[in-house]
C-alpha atoms as a PDB file:
ATOM      1  CA  MET A   1     -60.284 -10.580  43.265  1.00  0.00           C
ATOM      2  CA  SER A   2     -58.683  -8.310  45.823  1.00  0.00           C
ATOM      3  CA  ARG A   3     -56.607 -11.138  47.193  1.00  0.00           C
ATOM      4  CA  ILE A   4     -55.110 -11.983  43.836  1.00  0.00           C
ATOM      5  CA  SER A   5     -51.606 -10.694  43.222  1.00  0.00           C
ATOM      6  CA  VAL A   6     -48.728 -11.575  40.954  1.00  0.00           C
ATOM      7  CA  ARG A   7     -46.586 -12.063  44.011  1.00  0.00           C
ATOM      8  CA  GLY A   8     -49.143 -14.389  45.549  1.00  0.00           C
ATOM      9  CA  PHE A   9     -49.340 -16.413  42.410  1.00  0.00           C
ATOM     10  CA  ALA A  10     -45.576 -16.603  42.118  1.00  0.00           C
ATOM     11  CA  VAL A  11     -45.212 -17.724  45.737  1.00  0.00           C
ATOM     12  CA  ALA A  12     -47.977 -20.236  45.352  1.00  0.00           C
ATOM     13  CA  SER A  13     -46.516 -21.607  42.163  1.00  0.00           C
ATOM     14  CA  ALA A  14     -43.006 -21.764  43.554  1.00  0.00           C
ATOM     15  CA  THR A  15     -44.013 -23.547  46.776  1.00  0.00           C
ATOM     16  CA  ALA A  16     -46.627 -25.860  45.452  1.00  0.00           C
ATOM     17  CA  VAL A  17     -44.158 -28.657  44.932  1.00  0.00           C
ATOM     18  CA  THR A  18     -42.750 -28.182  48.415  1.00  0.00           C
ATOM     19  CA  ALA A  19     -46.185 -28.299  49.935  1.00  0.00           C
ATOM     20  CA  VAL A  20     -47.222 -31.398  48.079  1.00  0.00           C
ATOM     21  CA  GLY A  21     -43.950 -33.067  48.977  1.00  0.00           C
ATOM     22  CA  SER A  22     -44.493 -32.315  52.627  1.00  0.00           C
ATOM     23  CA  VAL A  23     -47.972 -33.800  52.589  1.00  0.00           C
ATOM     24  CA  VAL A  24     -46.787 -36.900  50.785  1.00  0.00           C
ATOM     25  CA  GLY A  25     -43.994 -37.282  53.289  1.00  0.00           C
ATOM     26  CA  VAL A  26     -46.357 -37.140  56.201  1.00  0.00           C
ATOM     27  CA  ALA A  27     -48.676 -39.615  54.572  1.00  0.00           C
ATOM     28  CA  SER A  28     -45.860 -42.070  53.967  1.00  0.00           C
ATOM     29  CA  GLY A  29     -44.709 -41.931  57.558  1.00  0.00           C
ATOM     30  CA  SER A  30     -41.546 -39.896  57.026  1.00  0.00           C
ATOM     31  CA  THR A  31     -40.365 -37.555  59.754  1.00  0.00           C
ATOM     32  CA  ALA A  32     -41.560 -33.985  59.335  1.00  0.00           C
ATOM     33  CA  GLN A  33     -41.152 -30.926  61.496  1.00  0.00           C
ATOM     34  CA  PRO A  34     -44.239 -29.046  62.654  1.00  0.00           C
ATOM     35  CA  ASN A  35     -43.052 -25.932  60.824  1.00  0.00           C
ATOM     36  CA  ASP A  36     -42.887 -27.876  57.552  1.00  0.00           C
ATOM     37  CA  ALA A  37     -46.458 -28.987  57.923  1.00  0.00           C
ATOM     38  CA  GLU A  38     -47.598 -25.456  58.690  1.00  0.00           C
ATOM     39  CA  ALA A  39     -45.747 -24.058  55.666  1.00  0.00           C
ATOM     40  CA  ALA A  40     -47.287 -26.670  53.429  1.00  0.00           C
ATOM     41  CA  ALA A  41     -50.725 -25.877  54.720  1.00  0.00           C
ATOM     42  CA  THR A  42     -50.179 -22.155  54.139  1.00  0.00           C
ATOM     43  CA  ASP A  43     -48.952 -22.755  50.585  1.00  0.00           C
ATOM     44  CA  LEU A  44     -51.919 -24.892  49.777  1.00  0.00           C
ATOM     45  CA  THR A  45     -54.167 -22.150  51.153  1.00  0.00           C
ATOM     46  CA  LEU A  46     -52.509 -19.602  48.792  1.00  0.00           C
ATOM     47  CA  LEU A  47     -53.159 -21.851  45.826  1.00  0.00           C
ATOM     48  CA  ALA A  48     -56.697 -22.383  46.913  1.00  0.00           C
ATOM     49  CA  ASP A  49     -57.265 -18.632  47.245  1.00  0.00           C
ATOM     50  CA  ILE A  50     -56.744 -18.041  43.475  1.00  0.00           C
ATOM     51  CA  PRO A  51     -59.402 -19.501  41.148  1.00  0.00           C
ATOM     52  CA  ALA A  52     -58.051 -21.529  38.228  1.00  0.00           C
ATOM     53  CA  GLY A  53     -59.192 -19.036  35.557  1.00  0.00           C
ATOM     54  CA  GLN A  54     -57.635 -16.127  37.359  1.00  0.00           C
ATOM     55  CA  GLN A  55     -54.382 -18.064  37.773  1.00  0.00           C
ATOM     56  CA  ALA A  56     -54.193 -18.271  33.986  1.00  0.00           C
ATOM     57  CA  GLN A  57     -54.834 -14.524  33.703  1.00  0.00           C
ATOM     58  CA  VAL A  58     -52.073 -13.740  36.150  1.00  0.00           C
ATOM     59  CA  GLN A  59     -49.674 -16.027  34.343  1.00  0.00           C
ATOM     60  CA  THR A  60     -50.580 -14.451  30.985  1.00  0.00           C
ATOM     61  CA  ALA A  61     -50.069 -10.932  32.359  1.00  0.00           C
ATOM     62  CA  SER A  62     -46.694 -11.910  33.735  1.00  0.00           C
ATOM     63  CA  LEU A  63     -45.574 -13.396  30.419  1.00  0.00           C
ATOM     64  CA  THR A  64     -46.838 -10.331  28.567  1.00  0.00           C
ATOM     65  CA  GLN A  65     -44.909  -8.040  30.872  1.00  0.00           C
ATOM     66  CA  GLN A  66     -41.757 -10.107  30.342  1.00  0.00           C
ATOM     67  CA  ALA A  67     -42.250  -9.939  26.581  1.00  0.00           C
ATOM     68  CA  ASP A  68     -42.688  -6.162  26.734  1.00  0.00           C
ATOM     69  CA  VAL A  69     -39.490  -5.754  28.737  1.00  0.00           C
ATOM     70  CA  GLN A  70     -37.596  -7.926  26.278  1.00  0.00           C
ATOM     71  CA  ALA A  71     -39.013  -5.990  23.321  1.00  0.00           C
ATOM     72  CA  ILE A  72     -37.992  -2.653  24.862  1.00  0.00           C
ATOM     73  CA  ALA A  73     -34.489  -3.975  25.493  1.00  0.00           C
ATOM     74  CA  ALA A  74     -34.259  -5.264  21.921  1.00  0.00           C
ATOM     75  CA  ASP A  75     -35.444  -1.913  20.520  1.00  0.00           C
ATOM     76  CA  ALA A  76     -32.874  -0.030  22.603  1.00  0.00           C
ATOM     77  CA  SER A  77     -30.109  -2.361  21.452  1.00  0.00           C
ATOM     78  CA  ALA A  78     -31.144  -2.023  17.800  1.00  0.00           C
ATOM     79  CA  LYS A  79     -31.313   1.778  18.118  1.00  0.00           C
ATOM     80  CA  LYS A  80     -27.849   1.887  19.657  1.00  0.00           C
ATOM     81  CA  GLU A  81     -26.427  -0.307  16.893  1.00  0.00           C
ATOM     82  CA  ALA A  82     -28.093   1.858  14.208  1.00  0.00           C
ATOM     83  CA  GLU A  83     -26.703   5.043  15.747  1.00  0.00           C
ATOM     84  CA  GLU A  84     -23.215   3.560  15.912  1.00  0.00           C
ATOM     85  CA  ALA A  85     -23.416   2.412  12.272  1.00  0.00           C
ATOM     86  CA  ALA A  86     -24.612   5.893  11.195  1.00  0.00           C
ATOM     87  CA  ARG A  87     -21.782   7.540  13.114  1.00  0.00           C
ATOM     88  CA  LYS A  88     -19.187   5.302  11.460  1.00  0.00           C
ATOM     89  CA  ALA A  89     -20.698   5.891   8.017  1.00  0.00           C
ATOM     90  CA  ALA A  90     -20.677   9.678   8.544  1.00  0.00           C
ATOM     91  CA  ALA A  91     -17.045   9.564   9.680  1.00  0.00           C
ATOM     92  CA  GLN A  92     -16.036   7.527   6.631  1.00  0.00           C
ATOM     93  CA  THR A  93     -17.916   9.920   4.323  1.00  0.00           C
ATOM     94  CA  ALA A  94     -16.196  12.931   5.898  1.00  0.00           C
ATOM     95  CA  ILE A  95     -12.779  11.297   5.471  1.00  0.00           C
ATOM     96  CA  ALA A  96     -13.520  10.458   1.828  1.00  0.00           C
ATOM     97  CA  LYS A  97     -14.660  14.034   1.099  1.00  0.00           C
ATOM     98  CA  LYS A  98     -11.565  15.473   2.755  1.00  0.00           C
ATOM     99  CA  GLU A  99      -9.265  13.197   0.759  1.00  0.00           C
ATOM    100  CA  ALA A 100     -11.089  14.076  -2.480  1.00  0.00           C
ATOM    101  CA  ALA A 101     -10.822  17.814  -1.741  1.00  0.00           C
ATOM    102  CA  GLU A 102      -7.118  17.521  -0.942  1.00  0.00           C
ATOM    103  CA  LYS A 103      -6.524  15.547  -4.141  1.00  0.00           C
ATOM    104  CA  ALA A 104      -8.434  18.110  -6.230  1.00  0.00           C
ATOM    105  CA  ALA A 105      -6.492  20.971  -4.641  1.00  0.00           C
ATOM    106  CA  GLN A 106      -3.181  19.238  -5.321  1.00  0.00           C
ATOM    107  CA  GLU A 107      -4.125  18.554  -8.949  1.00  0.00           C
ATOM    108  CA  ALA A 108      -5.205  22.179  -9.416  1.00  0.00           C
ATOM    109  CA  LYS A 109      -1.915  23.375  -7.939  1.00  0.00           C
ATOM    110  CA  GLU A 110       0.072  21.093 -10.226  1.00  0.00           C
ATOM    111  CA  ARG A 111      -1.868  22.320 -13.285  1.00  0.00           C
ATOM    112  CA  GLU A 112      -1.290  25.925 -12.309  1.00  0.00           C
ATOM    113  CA  GLU A 113       2.426  25.352 -11.829  1.00  0.00           C
ATOM    114  CA  ALA A 114       2.626  23.535 -15.164  1.00  0.00           C
ATOM    115  CA  GLU A 115       0.834  26.387 -16.926  1.00  0.00           C
ATOM    116  CA  LYS A 116       3.132  28.966 -15.375  1.00  0.00           C
ATOM    117  CA  ALA A 117       6.173  26.912 -16.287  1.00  0.00           C
ATOM    118  CA  ALA A 118       4.911  26.673 -19.850  1.00  0.00           C
ATOM    119  CA  SER A 119       4.318  30.417 -19.958  1.00  0.00           C
ATOM    120  CA  ARG A 120       7.936  30.985 -18.972  1.00  0.00           C
ATOM    121  CA  SER A 121       9.244  28.711 -21.698  1.00  0.00           C
ATOM    122  CA  ALA A 122       9.536  30.743 -24.887  1.00  0.00           C
ATOM    123  CA  THR A 123       9.591  28.716 -28.055  1.00  0.00           C
ATOM    124  CA  ARG A 124      12.305  30.928 -29.518  1.00  0.00           C
ATOM    125  CA  ASP A 125      14.854  33.373 -28.093  1.00  0.00           C
ATOM    126  CA  ALA A 126      15.700  36.922 -29.133  1.00  0.00           C
ATOM    127  CA  SER A 127      19.016  35.713 -30.500  1.00  0.00           C
ATOM    128  CA  ASP A 128      17.143  33.618 -33.068  1.00  0.00           C
ATOM    129  CA  PHE A 129      16.220  36.769 -34.976  1.00  0.00           C
ATOM    130  CA  PRO A 130      18.923  38.589 -36.947  1.00  0.00           C
ATOM    131  CA  ALA A 131      19.161  42.311 -36.319  1.00  0.00           C
ATOM    132  CA  GLN A 132      17.622  44.656 -38.882  1.00  0.00           C
ATOM    133  CA  GLY A 133      17.705  48.382 -39.459  1.00  0.00           C
ATOM    134  CA  SER A 134      13.984  48.699 -38.943  1.00  0.00           C
ATOM    135  CA  TYR A 135      10.947  46.528 -38.251  1.00  0.00           C
ATOM    136  CA  SER A 136       7.307  46.700 -39.275  1.00  0.00           C
ATOM    137  CA  ILE A 137       4.542  46.084 -36.767  1.00  0.00           C
ATOM    138  CA  ALA A 138       3.748  42.797 -38.505  1.00  0.00           C
ATOM    139  CA  GLU A 139       7.375  41.646 -38.115  1.00  0.00           C
ATOM    140  CA  ILE A 140       7.435  42.580 -34.434  1.00  0.00           C
ATOM    141  CA  GLN A 141       4.178  40.777 -33.797  1.00  0.00           C
ATOM    142  CA  SER A 142       5.527  37.720 -35.613  1.00  0.00           C
ATOM    143  CA  MET A 143       8.611  37.749 -33.337  1.00  0.00           C
ATOM    144  CA  ALA A 144       6.403  38.002 -30.283  1.00  0.00           C
ATOM    145  CA  ALA A 145       4.170  35.141 -31.452  1.00  0.00           C
ATOM    146  CA  ALA A 146       7.266  32.972 -31.863  1.00  0.00           C
ATOM    147  CA  MET A 147       8.698  33.863 -28.441  1.00  0.00           C
ATOM    148  CA  VAL A 148       5.578  33.946 -26.258  1.00  0.00           C
ATOM    149  CA  PRO A 149       3.682  30.695 -25.448  1.00  0.00           C
ATOM    150  CA  SER A 150       0.524  30.501 -27.552  1.00  0.00           C
ATOM    151  CA  GLY A 151      -1.793  30.408 -24.534  1.00  0.00           C
ATOM    152  CA  GLN A 152      -0.322  33.687 -23.237  1.00  0.00           C
ATOM    153  CA  PHE A 153       0.130  35.593 -26.474  1.00  0.00           C
ATOM    154  CA  GLN A 154      -3.223  37.410 -26.553  1.00  0.00           C
ATOM    155  CA  CYS A 155      -2.701  38.792 -23.041  1.00  0.00           C
ATOM    156  CA  PHE A 156       0.856  39.787 -23.966  1.00  0.00           C
ATOM    157  CA  SER A 157      -0.426  41.492 -27.110  1.00  0.00           C
ATOM    158  CA  ASN A 158      -3.124  43.384 -25.185  1.00  0.00           C
ATOM    159  CA  ILE A 159      -0.509  44.972 -22.932  1.00  0.00           C
ATOM    160  CA  VAL A 160       1.718  46.006 -25.832  1.00  0.00           C
ATOM    161  CA  ASP A 161      -1.311  47.455 -27.637  1.00  0.00           C
ATOM    162  CA  HIS A 162      -2.070  49.700 -24.685  1.00  0.00           C
ATOM    163  CA  GLU A 163       1.510  50.615 -23.805  1.00  0.00           C
ATOM    164  CA  SER A 164       3.072  51.416 -27.201  1.00  0.00           C
ATOM    165  CA  ASP A 165       0.799  50.251 -30.017  1.00  0.00           C
ATOM    166  CA  TRP A 166       3.722  47.966 -31.079  1.00  0.00           C
ATOM    167  CA  ASN A 167       6.110  50.870 -31.601  1.00  0.00           C
ATOM    168  CA  TYR A 168       9.480  49.604 -30.345  1.00  0.00           C
ATOM    169  CA  ARG A 169      10.891  53.166 -30.417  1.00  0.00           C
ATOM    170  CA  ALA A 170       7.991  54.789 -28.539  1.00  0.00           C
ATOM    171  CA  VAL A 171       9.036  57.364 -25.934  1.00  0.00           C
ATOM    172  CA  ASN A 172       6.832  58.912 -23.274  1.00  0.00           C
ATOM    173  CA  PRO A 173       7.600  62.663 -23.403  1.00  0.00           C
ATOM    174  CA  SER A 174       6.741  63.150 -19.732  1.00  0.00           C
ATOM    175  CA  SER A 175       8.465  60.231 -18.036  1.00  0.00           C
ATOM    176  CA  GLY A 176      10.906  59.024 -20.642  1.00  0.00           C
ATOM    177  CA  ALA A 177       9.489  55.484 -20.571  1.00  0.00           C
ATOM    178  CA  TYR A 178      10.714  53.621 -23.642  1.00  0.00           C
ATOM    179  CA  GLY A 179       9.891  50.845 -26.093  1.00  0.00           C
ATOM    180  CA  LEU A 180       7.163  48.263 -26.533  1.00  0.00           C
ATOM    181  CA  PHE A 181       6.542  47.980 -22.804  1.00  0.00           C
ATOM    182  CA  GLN A 182       7.307  51.570 -21.811  1.00  0.00           C
ATOM    183  CA  ALA A 183      10.052  50.442 -19.462  1.00  0.00           C
ATOM    184  CA  LEU A 184      11.085  53.148 -17.002  1.00  0.00           C
ATOM    185  CA  PRO A 185      13.874  53.754 -17.306  1.00  0.00           C
ATOM    186  CA  GLY A 186      14.303  52.110 -20.687  1.00  0.00           C
ATOM    187  CA  SER A 187      17.868  51.174 -19.803  1.00  0.00           C
ATOM    188  CA  LYS A 188      16.658  48.394 -17.506  1.00  0.00           C
ATOM    189  CA  MET A 189      16.073  46.348 -20.671  1.00  0.00           C
ATOM    190  CA  SER A 190      19.852  46.156 -21.102  1.00  0.00           C
ATOM    191  CA  SER A 191      19.716  43.229 -18.653  1.00  0.00           C
ATOM    192  CA  VAL A 192      18.825  40.996 -21.622  1.00  0.00           C
ATOM    193  CA  GLY A 193      20.687  42.775 -24.438  1.00  0.00           C
ATOM    194  CA  ALA A 194      22.749  45.821 -25.201  1.00  0.00           C
ATOM    195  CA  ASP A 195      20.672  46.503 -28.321  1.00  0.00           C
ATOM    196  CA  TRP A 196      17.498  47.141 -26.327  1.00  0.00           C
ATOM    197  CA  GLN A 197      16.916  50.519 -28.050  1.00  0.00           C
ATOM    198  CA  THR A 198      16.902  49.157 -31.593  1.00  0.00           C
ATOM    199  CA  ASN A 199      15.969  45.473 -31.398  1.00  0.00           C
ATOM    200  CA  PRO A 200      12.319  44.632 -30.694  1.00  0.00           C
ATOM    201  CA  ALA A 201      13.262  40.976 -30.067  1.00  0.00           C
ATOM    202  CA  THR A 202      15.391  42.089 -27.118  1.00  0.00           C
ATOM    203  CA  GLN A 203      12.504  44.175 -25.812  1.00  0.00           C
ATOM    204  CA  ILE A 204      10.086  41.257 -26.204  1.00  0.00           C
ATOM    205  CA  LYS A 205      12.413  38.986 -24.241  1.00  0.00           C
ATOM    206  CA  TRP A 206      12.695  41.567 -21.456  1.00  0.00           C
ATOM    207  CA  GLY A 207       8.928  42.177 -21.357  1.00  0.00           C
ATOM    208  CA  LEU A 208       8.125  38.463 -21.174  1.00  0.00           C
ATOM    209  CA  ASN A 209      10.637  37.929 -18.363  1.00  0.00           C
ATOM    210  CA  TYR A 210       9.220  40.919 -16.469  1.00  0.00           C
ATOM    211  CA  MET A 211       5.631  39.668 -16.683  1.00  0.00           C
ATOM    212  CA  ASN A 212       6.578  36.146 -15.615  1.00  0.00           C
ATOM    213  CA  GLU A 213       8.772  37.223 -12.718  1.00  0.00           C
ATOM    214  CA  ARG A 214       6.494  39.923 -11.326  1.00  0.00           C
ATOM    215  CA  TYR A 215       3.017  38.528 -12.017  1.00  0.00           C
ATOM    216  CA  GLY A 216       3.494  34.867 -12.886  1.00  0.00           C
ATOM    217  CA  SER A 217       2.464  35.084 -16.542  1.00  0.00           C
ATOM    218  CA  PRO A 218       1.409  37.598 -19.225  1.00  0.00           C
ATOM    219  CA  CYS A 219      -2.270  36.838 -18.515  1.00  0.00           C
ATOM    220  CA  ASP A 220      -1.773  37.562 -14.814  1.00  0.00           C
ATOM    221  CA  ALA A 221      -0.028  40.806 -15.795  1.00  0.00           C
ATOM    222  CA  TRP A 222      -2.919  41.685 -18.099  1.00  0.00           C
ATOM    223  CA  ALA A 223      -5.444  41.032 -15.315  1.00  0.00           C
ATOM    224  CA  PHE A 224      -3.502  43.454 -13.114  1.00  0.00           C
ATOM    225  CA  TRP A 225      -3.332  46.019 -15.935  1.00  0.00           C
ATOM    226  CA  GLN A 226      -7.111  45.859 -16.427  1.00  0.00           C
ATOM    227  CA  ALA A 227      -7.676  46.546 -12.734  1.00  0.00           C
ATOM    228  CA  ASN A 228      -5.073  49.330 -12.422  1.00  0.00           C
ATOM    229  CA  HIS A 229      -4.298  50.576 -15.974  1.00  0.00           C
ATOM    230  CA  TRP A 230      -0.604  50.005 -15.350  1.00  0.00           C
ATOM    231  CA  TYR A 231       1.542  47.010 -14.583  1.00  0.00           C
END
């Protein structure tokens, strides 16, 4: 058993044909070198050293080892392919999520801009209301509802409630702030009409413009008012 080796078996197997050929050549009278005869004899001795059953065991072990090596190589190749496929899938998923997030952000921005644009578009103008000597709170509120976009009216109304309680002639005795929105000074409302002291429609137009230009919309102005109690 100690003389059995895979190498010995491989050498014996590989040279068996050579050895047999050499012997046949000698027997048939062909010319052969002394070294050839010696090599053939040595090879035959190697074959003879390994019993037939053990030769089969060696061959089986060799084939098993080859199969194991091939299996390991196949597993490594499959693992590499799986990792590459996972990497590509993760990259594609990340790209898809990024595109979806960018699309959602763009849509949200467009909606916001559309809402702000709508809030700036009054359905009626101050000039649509004929001047009167006096106005009731209900009449002023009706003007405001016609001039302010419906989605912004409640916020607009909340500010007027807190600033003047819908009194278009309200004056702050300390600061002199005037009108529905307590503009300070009140004369700044003349930018939309010379009748700013007596016409609530003119004041409403000025107040709506102010909220849109400074805060973006009446609801944004109301959010600021709630946080600071002024706007």
